[in-house]
Amino acid sequence: MDKKDILEQNKKKKQGSLDEMEKRVYNYSFGIGALAVGAMCLAFSIYRAINGMHFYEFAAIITAYLCATYLYRFKNLKSPFYLIAGIITAVAAVGCTVLFFVVGGV
């Protein structure tokens, strides 16, 4: 068997699974999506701050996202930095959520 036949046979075995490039693009797309969400939250927060309104909901969204990301990294990489960052962002997310409901969204 030559290299081309082996690659083709391997691809048939893993029908429906992603190759390395597809996995990289798939995973990278989540980062791009997170940047878009962060940019939108920042834009809405700035608008609301300029107009004298509270923007706790947007801070809660961003910190909850960061918390989930850091804790997932800690779970898989076991780096204490990610645990500490996850705890800090969890406290911030809970605090912003509580403030949103206590103070209100307007």
PDB file of N, CA and C in Angstrom:
ATOM      1  N   MET A   1       0.835  -1.188   0.000  1.00  0.00           N
ATOM      2  CA  MET A   1       0.000   0.000   0.000  1.00  0.00           C
ATOM      3  C   MET A   1       0.877   1.247   0.000  1.00  0.00           C
ATOM      4  N   ASP A   2       0.470   2.196  -0.801  1.00  0.00           N
ATOM      5  CA  ASP A   2       1.211   3.452  -0.772  1.00  0.00           C
ATOM      6  C   ASP A   2       0.552   4.427   0.204  1.00  0.00           C
ATOM      7  N   LYS A   3       1.201   5.554   0.380  1.00  0.00           N
ATOM      8  CA  LYS A   3       0.757   6.549   1.374  1.00  0.00           C
ATOM      9  C   LYS A   3      -0.667   7.030   1.099  1.00  0.00           C
ATOM     10  N   LYS A   4      -0.984   7.252  -0.160  1.00  0.00           N
ATOM     11  CA  LYS A   4      -2.314   7.761  -0.531  1.00  0.00           C
ATOM     12  C   LYS A   4      -3.413   6.762  -0.160  1.00  0.00           C
ATOM     13  N   ASP A   5      -3.172   5.478  -0.405  1.00  0.00           N
ATOM     14  CA  ASP A   5      -4.152   4.443  -0.072  1.00  0.00           C
ATOM     15  C   ASP A   5      -4.373   4.349   1.437  1.00  0.00           C
ATOM     16  N   ILE A   6      -3.286   4.454   2.196  1.00  0.00           N
ATOM     17  CA  ILE A   6      -3.387   4.382   3.659  1.00  0.00           C
ATOM     18  C   ILE A   6      -4.196   5.558   4.193  1.00  0.00           C
ATOM     19  N   LEU A   7      -3.910   6.755   3.688  1.00  0.00           N
ATOM     20  CA  LEU A   7      -4.660   7.936   4.130  1.00  0.00           C
ATOM     21  C   LEU A   7      -6.135   7.823   3.770  1.00  0.00           C
ATOM     22  N   GLU A   8      -6.419   7.333   2.574  1.00  0.00           N
ATOM     23  CA  GLU A   8      -7.815   7.173   2.139  1.00  0.00           C
ATOM     24  C   GLU A   8      -8.544   6.138   2.997  1.00  0.00           C
ATOM     25  N   GLN A   9      -7.873   5.044   3.301  1.00  0.00           N
ATOM     26  CA  GLN A   9      -8.468   3.995   4.132  1.00  0.00           C
ATOM     27  C   GLN A   9      -8.726   4.513   5.543  1.00  0.00           C
ATOM     28  N   ASN A  10      -7.777   5.271   6.090  1.00  0.00           N
ATOM     29  CA  ASN A  10      -7.933   5.840   7.424  1.00  0.00           C
ATOM     30  C   ASN A  10      -9.115   6.805   7.453  1.00  0.00           C
ATOM     31  N   LYS A  11      -9.257   7.590   6.412  1.00  0.00           N
ATOM     32  CA  LYS A  11     -10.362   8.543   6.351  1.00  0.00           C
ATOM     33  C   LYS A  11     -11.707   7.814   6.306  1.00  0.00           C
ATOM     34  N   LYS A  12     -11.768   6.701   5.598  1.00  0.00           N
ATOM     35  CA  LYS A  12     -13.016   5.926   5.528  1.00  0.00           C
ATOM     36  C   LYS A  12     -13.365   5.340   6.892  1.00  0.00           C
ATOM     37  N   LYS A  13     -12.339   4.935   7.661  1.00  0.00           N
ATOM     38  CA  LYS A  13     -12.575   4.387   9.001  1.00  0.00           C
ATOM     39  C   LYS A  13     -13.211   5.421   9.911  1.00  0.00           C
ATOM     40  N   LYS A  14     -12.766   6.623   9.782  1.00  0.00           N
ATOM     41  CA  LYS A  14     -13.235   7.695  10.658  1.00  0.00           C
ATOM     42  C   LYS A  14     -14.279   8.549   9.952  1.00  0.00           C
ATOM     43  N   GLN A  15     -15.180   7.908   9.264  1.00  0.00           N
ATOM     44  CA  GLN A  15     -16.222   8.626   8.530  1.00  0.00           C
ATOM     45  C   GLN A  15     -16.989   9.545   9.483  1.00  0.00           C
ATOM     46  N   GLY A  16     -17.108  10.797   9.122  1.00  0.00           N
ATOM     47  CA  GLY A  16     -17.836  11.744   9.959  1.00  0.00           C
ATOM     48  C   GLY A  16     -16.976  12.429  10.999  1.00  0.00           C
ATOM     49  N   SER A  17     -15.760  11.955  11.205  1.00  0.00           N
ATOM     50  CA  SER A  17     -14.891  12.619  12.184  1.00  0.00           C
ATOM     51  C   SER A  17     -14.081  13.705  11.483  1.00  0.00           C
ATOM     52  N   LEU A  18     -13.584  14.631  12.261  1.00  0.00           N
ATOM     53  CA  LEU A  18     -12.844  15.766  11.721  1.00  0.00           C
ATOM     54  C   LEU A  18     -11.358  15.443  11.635  1.00  0.00           C
ATOM     55  N   ASP A  19     -10.701  15.917  10.575  1.00  0.00           N
ATOM     56  CA  ASP A  19      -9.253  15.770  10.522  1.00  0.00           C
ATOM     57  C   ASP A  19      -8.622  16.891  11.344  1.00  0.00           C
ATOM     58  N   GLU A  20      -7.297  16.920  11.436  1.00  0.00           N
ATOM     59  CA  GLU A  20      -6.603  17.884  12.301  1.00  0.00           C
ATOM     60  C   GLU A  20      -6.904  19.330  11.924  1.00  0.00           C
ATOM     61  N   MET A  21      -6.882  19.633  10.632  1.00  0.00           N
ATOM     62  CA  MET A  21      -7.142  21.003  10.204  1.00  0.00           C
ATOM     63  C   MET A  21      -8.586  21.400  10.535  1.00  0.00           C
ATOM     64  N   GLU A  22      -9.526  20.509  10.292  1.00  0.00           N
ATOM     65  CA  GLU A  22     -10.928  20.804  10.595  1.00  0.00           C
ATOM     66  C   GLU A  22     -11.132  21.013  12.097  1.00  0.00           C
ATOM     67  N   LYS A  23     -10.452  20.213  12.917  1.00  0.00           N
ATOM     68  CA  LYS A  23     -10.539  20.384  14.371  1.00  0.00           C
ATOM     69  C   LYS A  23      -9.994  21.736  14.795  1.00  0.00           C
ATOM     70  N   ARG A  24      -8.861  22.123  14.218  1.00  0.00           N
ATOM     71  CA  ARG A  24      -8.252  23.402  14.553  1.00  0.00           C
ATOM     72  C   ARG A  24      -9.184  24.558  14.173  1.00  0.00           C
ATOM     73  N   VAL A  25      -9.754  24.499  12.991  1.00  0.00           N
ATOM     74  CA  VAL A  25     -10.675  25.551  12.546  1.00  0.00           C
ATOM     75  C   VAL A  25     -11.911  25.573  13.432  1.00  0.00           C
ATOM     76  N   TYR A  26     -12.441  24.404  13.739  1.00  0.00           N
ATOM     77  CA  TYR A  26     -13.625  24.287  14.585  1.00  0.00           C
ATOM     78  C   TYR A  26     -13.366  24.897  15.963  1.00  0.00           C
ATOM     79  N   ASN A  27     -12.248  24.547  16.583  1.00  0.00           N
ATOM     80  CA  ASN A  27     -11.912  25.079  17.905  1.00  0.00           C
ATOM     81  C   ASN A  27     -11.608  26.572  17.854  1.00  0.00           C
ATOM     82  N   TYR A  28     -10.914  27.026  16.829  1.00  0.00           N
ATOM     83  CA  TYR A  28     -10.571  28.436  16.684  1.00  0.00           C
ATOM     84  C   TYR A  28     -11.830  29.286  16.512  1.00  0.00           C
ATOM     85  N   SER A  29     -12.843  28.719  15.869  1.00  0.00           N
ATOM     86  CA  SER A  29     -14.084  29.467  15.646  1.00  0.00           C
ATOM     87  C   SER A  29     -14.751  29.847  16.966  1.00  0.00           C
ATOM     88  N   PHE A  30     -14.603  29.034  17.987  1.00  0.00           N
ATOM     89  CA  PHE A  30     -15.172  29.374  19.291  1.00  0.00           C
ATOM     90  C   PHE A  30     -14.472  30.598  19.876  1.00  0.00           C
ATOM     91  N   GLY A  31     -13.174  30.715  19.667  1.00  0.00           N
ATOM     92  CA  GLY A  31     -12.441  31.891  20.122  1.00  0.00           C
ATOM     93  C   GLY A  31     -12.893  33.141  19.394  1.00  0.00           C
ATOM     94  N   ILE A  32     -13.106  33.025  18.095  1.00  0.00           N
ATOM     95  CA  ILE A  32     -13.589  34.158  17.310  1.00  0.00           C
ATOM     96  C   ILE A  32     -14.987  34.563  17.790  1.00  0.00           C
ATOM     97  N   GLY A  33     -15.823  33.580  18.035  1.00  0.00           N
ATOM     98  CA  GLY A  33     -17.172  33.862  18.550  1.00  0.00           C
ATOM     99  C   GLY A  33     -17.125  34.547  19.907  1.00  0.00           C
ATOM    100  N   ALA A  34     -16.216  34.103  20.766  1.00  0.00           N
ATOM    101  CA  ALA A  34     -16.071  34.726  22.090  1.00  0.00           C
ATOM    102  C   ALA A  34     -15.612  36.169  21.964  1.00  0.00           C
ATOM    103  N   LEU A  35     -14.719  36.444  21.016  1.00  0.00           N
ATOM    104  CA  LEU A  35     -14.286  37.822  20.784  1.00  0.00           C
ATOM    105  C   LEU A  35     -15.448  38.692  20.322  1.00  0.00           C
ATOM    106  N   ALA A  36     -16.290  38.144  19.471  1.00  0.00           N
ATOM    107  CA  ALA A  36     -17.456  38.900  18.999  1.00  0.00           C
ATOM    108  C   ALA A  36     -18.410  39.202  20.147  1.00  0.00           C
ATOM    109  N   VAL A  37     -18.672  38.210  20.995  1.00  0.00           N
ATOM    110  CA  VAL A  37     -19.541  38.416  22.150  1.00  0.00           C
ATOM    111  C   VAL A  37     -18.931  39.450  23.094  1.00  0.00           C
ATOM    112  N   GLY A  38     -17.642  39.340  23.340  1.00  0.00           N
ATOM    113  CA  GLY A  38     -16.958  40.304  24.206  1.00  0.00           C
ATOM    114  C   GLY A  38     -17.020  41.713  23.651  1.00  0.00           C
ATOM    115  N   ALA A  39     -16.811  41.857  22.354  1.00  0.00           N
ATOM    116  CA  ALA A  39     -16.864  43.181  21.729  1.00  0.00           C
ATOM    117  C   ALA A  39     -18.268  43.777  21.828  1.00  0.00           C
ATOM    118  N   MET A  40     -19.276  42.957  21.607  1.00  0.00           N
ATOM    119  CA  MET A  40     -20.658  43.450  21.697  1.00  0.00           C
ATOM    120  C   MET A  40     -20.993  43.844  23.136  1.00  0.00           C
ATOM    121  N   CYS A  41     -20.598  43.028  24.093  1.00  0.00           N
ATOM    122  CA  CYS A  41     -20.843  43.364  25.505  1.00  0.00           C
ATOM    123  C   CYS A  41     -20.126  44.657  25.884  1.00  0.00           C
ATOM    124  N   LEU A  42     -18.902  44.821  25.412  1.00  0.00           N
ATOM    125  CA  LEU A  42     -18.159  46.041  25.692  1.00  0.00           C
ATOM    126  C   LEU A  42     -18.847  47.258  25.074  1.00  0.00           C
ATOM    127  N   ALA A  43     -19.288  47.122  23.842  1.00  0.00           N
ATOM    128  CA  ALA A  43     -19.964  48.239  23.172  1.00  0.00           C
ATOM    129  C   ALA A  43     -21.250  48.618  23.911  1.00  0.00           C
ATOM    130  N   PHE A  44     -22.049  47.628  24.276  1.00  0.00           N
ATOM    131  CA  PHE A  44     -23.292  47.912  25.001  1.00  0.00           C
ATOM    132  C   PHE A  44     -23.005  48.483  26.390  1.00  0.00           C
ATOM    133  N   SER A  45     -21.955  47.999  27.034  1.00  0.00           N
ATOM    134  CA  SER A  45     -21.587  48.512  28.354  1.00  0.00           C
ATOM    135  C   SER A  45     -21.171  49.970  28.277  1.00  0.00           C
ATOM    136  N   ILE A  46     -20.365  50.298  27.294  1.00  0.00           N
ATOM    137  CA  ILE A  46     -19.932  51.689  27.119  1.00  0.00           C
ATOM    138  C   ILE A  46     -21.132  52.586  26.864  1.00  0.00           C
ATOM    139  N   TYR A  47     -22.025  52.153  25.995  1.00  0.00           N
ATOM    140  CA  TYR A  47     -23.217  52.940  25.700  1.00  0.00           C
ATOM    141  C   TYR A  47     -24.035  53.182  26.969  1.00  0.00           C
ATOM    142  N   ARG A  48     -24.254  52.116  27.720  1.00  0.00           N
ATOM    143  CA  ARG A  48     -25.067  52.240  28.931  1.00  0.00           C
ATOM    144  C   ARG A  48     -24.357  53.104  29.981  1.00  0.00           C
ATOM    145  N   ALA A  49     -23.043  52.980  30.099  1.00  0.00           N
ATOM    146  CA  ALA A  49     -22.294  53.799  31.066  1.00  0.00           C
ATOM    147  C   ALA A  49     -22.355  55.273  30.692  1.00  0.00           C
ATOM    148  N   ILE A  50     -22.210  55.574  29.414  1.00  0.00           N
ATOM    149  CA  ILE A  50     -22.284  56.958  28.954  1.00  0.00           C
ATOM    150  C   ILE A  50     -23.653  57.561  29.266  1.00  0.00           C
ATOM    151  N   ASN A  51     -24.687  56.758  29.169  1.00  0.00           N
ATOM    152  CA  ASN A  51     -26.051  57.224  29.422  1.00  0.00           C
ATOM    153  C   ASN A  51     -26.482  57.059  30.875  1.00  0.00           C
ATOM    154  N   GLY A  52     -25.530  56.787  31.762  1.00  0.00           N
ATOM    155  CA  GLY A  52     -25.809  56.724  33.190  1.00  0.00           C
ATOM    156  C   GLY A  52     -26.606  55.504  33.634  1.00  0.00           C
ATOM    157  N   MET A  53     -26.546  54.434  32.860  1.00  0.00           N
ATOM    158  CA  MET A  53     -27.275  53.209  33.215  1.00  0.00           C
ATOM    159  C   MET A  53     -26.291  52.158  33.739  1.00  0.00           C
ATOM    160  N   HIS A  54     -26.818  51.197  34.464  1.00  0.00           N
ATOM    161  CA  HIS A  54     -25.998  50.087  34.953  1.00  0.00           C
ATOM    162  C   HIS A  54     -25.763  49.092  33.817  1.00  0.00           C
ATOM    163  N   PHE A  55     -24.647  48.404  33.888  1.00  0.00           N
ATOM    164  CA  PHE A  55     -24.334  47.422  32.846  1.00  0.00           C
ATOM    165  C   PHE A  55     -23.825  46.116  33.456  1.00  0.00           C
ATOM    166  N   TYR A  56     -24.380  45.745  34.589  1.00  0.00           N
ATOM    167  CA  TYR A  56     -23.931  44.539  35.292  1.00  0.00           C
ATOM    168  C   TYR A  56     -24.148  43.267  34.479  1.00  0.00           C
ATOM    169  N   GLU A  57     -25.222  43.238  33.692  1.00  0.00           N
ATOM    170  CA  GLU A  57     -25.522  42.015  32.938  1.00  0.00           C
ATOM    171  C   GLU A  57     -24.416  41.682  31.946  1.00  0.00           C
ATOM    172  N   PHE A  58     -23.830  42.710  31.335  1.00  0.00           N
ATOM    173  CA  PHE A  58     -22.765  42.458  30.362  1.00  0.00           C
ATOM    174  C   PHE A  58     -21.484  42.005  31.053  1.00  0.00           C
ATOM    175  N   ALA A  59     -21.187  42.586  32.198  1.00  0.00           N
ATOM    176  CA  ALA A  59     -20.025  42.147  32.973  1.00  0.00           C
ATOM    177  C   ALA A  59     -20.226  40.713  33.464  1.00  0.00           C
ATOM    178  N   ALA A  60     -21.466  40.368  33.834  1.00  0.00           N
ATOM    179  CA  ALA A  60     -21.760  39.002  34.278  1.00  0.00           C
ATOM    180  C   ALA A  60     -21.552  38.005  33.137  1.00  0.00           C
ATOM    181  N   ILE A  61     -21.963  38.369  31.935  1.00  0.00           N
ATOM    182  CA  ILE A  61     -21.798  37.478  30.780  1.00  0.00           C
ATOM    183  C   ILE A  61     -20.318  37.219  30.511  1.00  0.00           C
ATOM    184  N   ILE A  62     -19.536  38.281  30.475  1.00  0.00           N
ATOM    185  CA  ILE A  62     -18.104  38.140  30.165  1.00  0.00           C
ATOM    186  C   ILE A  62     -17.375  37.364  31.262  1.00  0.00           C
ATOM    187  N   THR A  63     -17.635  37.701  32.529  1.00  0.00           N
ATOM    188  CA  THR A  63     -16.925  37.009  33.608  1.00  0.00           C
ATOM    189  C   THR A  63     -17.354  35.549  33.726  1.00  0.00           C
ATOM    190  N   ALA A  64     -18.613  35.251  33.434  1.00  0.00           N
ATOM    191  CA  ALA A  64     -19.053  33.851  33.448  1.00  0.00           C
ATOM    192  C   ALA A  64     -18.367  33.063  32.332  1.00  0.00           C
ATOM    193  N   TYR A  65     -18.235  33.689  31.174  1.00  0.00           N
ATOM    194  CA  TYR A  65     -17.518  33.039  30.068  1.00  0.00           C
ATOM    195  C   TYR A  65     -16.063  32.768  30.459  1.00  0.00           C
ATOM    196  N   LEU A  66     -15.408  33.789  31.016  1.00  0.00           N
ATOM    197  CA  LEU A  66     -14.015  33.616  31.427  1.00  0.00           C
ATOM    198  C   LEU A  66     -13.878  32.557  32.511  1.00  0.00           C
ATOM    199  N   CYS A  67     -14.801  32.548  33.453  1.00  0.00           N
ATOM    200  CA  CYS A  67     -14.783  31.549  34.524  1.00  0.00           C
ATOM    201  C   CYS A  67     -14.843  30.132  33.950  1.00  0.00           C
ATOM    202  N   ALA A  68     -15.787  29.909  33.058  1.00  0.00           N
ATOM    203  CA  ALA A  68     -15.927  28.580  32.448  1.00  0.00           C
ATOM    204  C   ALA A  68     -14.664  28.193  31.682  1.00  0.00           C
ATOM    205  N   THR A  69     -14.088  29.139  30.969  1.00  0.00           N
ATOM    206  CA  THR A  69     -12.871  28.880  30.201  1.00  0.00           C
ATOM    207  C   THR A  69     -11.705  28.523  31.122  1.00  0.00           C
ATOM    208  N   TYR A  70     -11.504  29.329  32.168  1.00  0.00           N
ATOM    209  CA  TYR A  70     -10.398  29.068  33.089  1.00  0.00           C
ATOM    210  C   TYR A  70     -10.562  27.751  33.833  1.00  0.00           C
ATOM    211  N   LEU A  71     -11.770  27.469  34.294  1.00  0.00           N
ATOM    212  CA  LEU A  71     -11.965  26.220  35.039  1.00  0.00           C
ATOM    213  C   LEU A  71     -11.816  24.998  34.140  1.00  0.00           C
ATOM    214  N   TYR A  72     -12.218  25.113  32.882  1.00  0.00           N
ATOM    215  CA  TYR A  72     -12.016  24.009  31.939  1.00  0.00           C
ATOM    216  C   TYR A  72     -10.522  23.789  31.699  1.00  0.00           C
ATOM    217  N   ARG A  73      -9.790  24.880  31.548  1.00  0.00           N
ATOM    218  CA  ARG A  73      -8.342  24.762  31.367  1.00  0.00           C
ATOM    219  C   ARG A  73      -7.697  24.144  32.598  1.00  0.00           C
ATOM    220  N   PHE A  74      -8.142  24.572  33.798  1.00  0.00           N
ATOM    221  CA  PHE A  74      -7.581  23.995  35.020  1.00  0.00           C
ATOM    222  C   PHE A  74      -7.849  22.495  35.085  1.00  0.00           C
ATOM    223  N   LYS A  75      -9.069  22.109  34.747  1.00  0.00           N
ATOM    224  CA  LYS A  75      -9.440  20.696  34.799  1.00  0.00           C
ATOM    225  C   LYS A  75      -8.520  19.851  33.917  1.00  0.00           C
ATOM    226  N   ASN A  76      -8.170  20.371  32.759  1.00  0.00           N
ATOM    227  CA  ASN A  76      -7.380  19.592  31.812  1.00  0.00           C
ATOM    228  C   ASN A  76      -5.879  19.822  31.917  1.00  0.00           C
ATOM    229  N   LEU A  77      -5.449  21.006  32.334  1.00  0.00           N
ATOM    230  CA  LEU A  77      -4.018  21.311  32.382  1.00  0.00           C
ATOM    231  C   LEU A  77      -3.428  21.319  33.790  1.00  0.00           C
ATOM    232  N   LYS A  78      -4.296  21.375  34.785  1.00  0.00           N
ATOM    233  CA  LYS A  78      -3.891  21.332  36.199  1.00  0.00           C
ATOM    234  C   LYS A  78      -2.960  22.477  36.615  1.00  0.00           C
ATOM    235  N   SER A  79      -3.057  23.611  35.954  1.00  0.00           N
ATOM    236  CA  SER A  79      -2.239  24.761  36.315  1.00  0.00           C
ATOM    237  C   SER A  79      -2.959  25.578  37.390  1.00  0.00           C
ATOM    238  N   PRO A  80      -2.305  25.862  38.506  1.00  0.00           N
ATOM    239  CA  PRO A  80      -2.954  26.621  39.578  1.00  0.00           C
ATOM    240  C   PRO A  80      -3.388  28.024  39.133  1.00  0.00           C
ATOM    241  N   PHE A  81      -2.695  28.597  38.152  1.00  0.00           N
ATOM    242  CA  PHE A  81      -3.092  29.911  37.640  1.00  0.00           C
ATOM    243  C   PHE A  81      -4.542  29.890  37.164  1.00  0.00           C
ATOM    244  N   TYR A  82      -4.905  28.848  36.425  1.00  0.00           N
ATOM    245  CA  TYR A  82      -6.260  28.759  35.888  1.00  0.00           C
ATOM    246  C   TYR A  82      -7.293  28.558  36.993  1.00  0.00           C
ATOM    247  N   LEU A  83      -6.922  27.852  38.042  1.00  0.00           N
ATOM    248  CA  LEU A  83      -7.840  27.681  39.171  1.00  0.00           C
ATOM    249  C   LEU A  83      -8.090  29.024  39.852  1.00  0.00           C
ATOM    250  N   ILE A  84      -7.029  29.762  40.115  1.00  0.00           N
ATOM    251  CA  ILE A  84      -7.167  31.069  40.773  1.00  0.00           C
ATOM    252  C   ILE A  84      -7.970  32.028  39.891  1.00  0.00           C
ATOM    253  N   ALA A  85      -7.639  32.070  38.601  1.00  0.00           N
ATOM    254  CA  ALA A  85      -8.374  32.935  37.677  1.00  0.00           C
ATOM    255  C   ALA A  85      -9.836  32.515  37.594  1.00  0.00           C
ATOM    256  N   GLY A  86     -10.101  31.220  37.614  1.00  0.00           N
ATOM    257  CA  GLY A  86     -11.472  30.724  37.572  1.00  0.00           C
ATOM    258  C   GLY A  86     -12.265  31.122  38.798  1.00  0.00           C
ATOM    259  N   ILE A  87     -11.640  31.036  39.962  1.00  0.00           N
ATOM    260  CA  ILE A  87     -12.321  31.421  41.206  1.00  0.00           C
ATOM    261  C   ILE A  87     -12.605  32.922  41.220  1.00  0.00           C
ATOM    262  N   ILE A  88     -11.617  33.714  40.824  1.00  0.00           N
ATOM    263  CA  ILE A  88     -11.801  35.174  40.807  1.00  0.00           C
ATOM    264  C   ILE A  88     -12.922  35.564  39.846  1.00  0.00           C
ATOM    265  N   THR A  89     -12.917  34.997  38.652  1.00  0.00           N
ATOM    266  CA  THR A  89     -13.955  35.351  37.688  1.00  0.00           C
ATOM    267  C   THR A  89     -15.312  34.787  38.093  1.00  0.00           C
ATOM    268  N   ALA A  90     -15.337  33.676  38.817  1.00  0.00           N
ATOM    269  CA  ALA A  90     -16.614  33.150  39.320  1.00  0.00           C
ATOM    270  C   ALA A  90     -17.214  34.110  40.340  1.00  0.00           C
ATOM    271  N   VAL A  91     -16.378  34.610  41.240  1.00  0.00           N
ATOM    272  CA  VAL A  91     -16.848  35.577  42.236  1.00  0.00           C
ATOM    273  C   VAL A  91     -17.369  36.833  41.535  1.00  0.00           C
ATOM    274  N   ALA A  92     -16.631  37.295  40.526  1.00  0.00           N
ATOM    275  CA  ALA A  92     -17.057  38.476  39.777  1.00  0.00           C
ATOM    276  C   ALA A  92     -18.383  38.224  39.054  1.00  0.00           C
ATOM    277  N   ALA A  93     -18.535  37.050  38.450  1.00  0.00           N
ATOM    278  CA  ALA A  93     -19.770  36.726  37.729  1.00  0.00           C
ATOM    279  C   ALA A  93     -20.964  36.675  38.673  1.00  0.00           C
ATOM    280  N   VAL A  94     -20.778  36.034  39.814  1.00  0.00           N
ATOM    281  CA  VAL A  94     -21.862  35.960  40.801  1.00  0.00           C
ATOM    282  C   VAL A  94     -22.186  37.356  41.327  1.00  0.00           C
ATOM    283  N   GLY A  95     -21.157  38.135  41.637  1.00  0.00           N
ATOM    284  CA  GLY A  95     -21.367  39.494  42.131  1.00  0.00           C
ATOM    285  C   GLY A  95     -22.124  40.355  41.137  1.00  0.00           C
ATOM    286  N   CYS A  96     -21.722  40.309  39.874  1.00  0.00           N
ATOM    287  CA  CYS A  96     -22.404  41.102  38.846  1.00  0.00           C
ATOM    288  C   CYS A  96     -23.839  40.639  38.647  1.00  0.00           C
ATOM    289  N   THR A  97     -24.068  39.342  38.721  1.00  0.00           N
ATOM    290  CA  THR A  97     -25.431  38.821  38.581  1.00  0.00           C
ATOM    291  C   THR A  97     -26.305  39.287  39.738  1.00  0.00           C
ATOM    292  N   VAL A  98     -25.792  39.200  40.943  1.00  0.00           N
ATOM    293  CA  VAL A  98     -26.543  39.657  42.115  1.00  0.00           C
ATOM    294  C   VAL A  98     -26.832  41.155  41.998  1.00  0.00           C
ATOM    295  N   LEU A  99     -25.824  41.941  41.628  1.00  0.00           N
ATOM    296  CA  LEU A  99     -26.036  43.381  41.474  1.00  0.00           C
ATOM    297  C   LEU A  99     -27.078  43.680  40.398  1.00  0.00           C
ATOM    298  N   PHE A 100     -27.075  42.919  39.329  1.00  0.00           N
ATOM    299  CA  PHE A 100     -28.071  43.134  38.286  1.00  0.00           C
ATOM    300  C   PHE A 100     -29.482  42.968  38.841  1.00  0.00           C
ATOM    301  N   PHE A 101     -29.694  41.931  39.642  1.00  0.00           N
ATOM    302  CA  PHE A 101     -31.035  41.695  40.176  1.00  0.00           C
ATOM    303  C   PHE A 101     -31.382  42.623  41.324  1.00  0.00           C
ATOM    304  N   VAL A 102     -30.390  43.035  42.106  1.00  0.00           N
ATOM    305  CA  VAL A 102     -30.652  43.922  43.235  1.00  0.00           C
ATOM    306  C   VAL A 102     -30.864  45.365  42.771  1.00  0.00           C
ATOM    307  N   VAL A 103     -29.945  45.855  41.961  1.00  0.00           N
ATOM    308  CA  VAL A 103     -30.000  47.242  41.488  1.00  0.00           C
ATOM    309  C   VAL A 103     -30.977  47.373  40.324  1.00  0.00           C
ATOM    310  N   GLY A 104     -31.034  46.364  39.500  1.00  0.00           N
ATOM    311  CA  GLY A 104     -31.901  46.397  38.330  1.00  0.00           C
ATOM    312  C   GLY A 104     -31.102  46.675  37.077  1.00  0.00           C
ATOM    313  N   GLY A 105     -31.692  46.383  35.970  1.00  0.00           N
ATOM    314  CA  GLY A 105     -31.011  46.506  34.686  1.00  0.00           C
ATOM    315  C   GLY A 105     -31.083  47.903  34.097  1.00  0.00           C
ATOM    316  N   VAL A 106     -31.772  48.836  34.731  1.00  0.00           N
ATOM    317  CA  VAL A 106     -31.896  50.173  34.138  1.00  0.00           C
ATOM    318  C   VAL A 106     -31.122  51.212  34.912  1.00  0.00           C
TER     319      VAL A 106
END
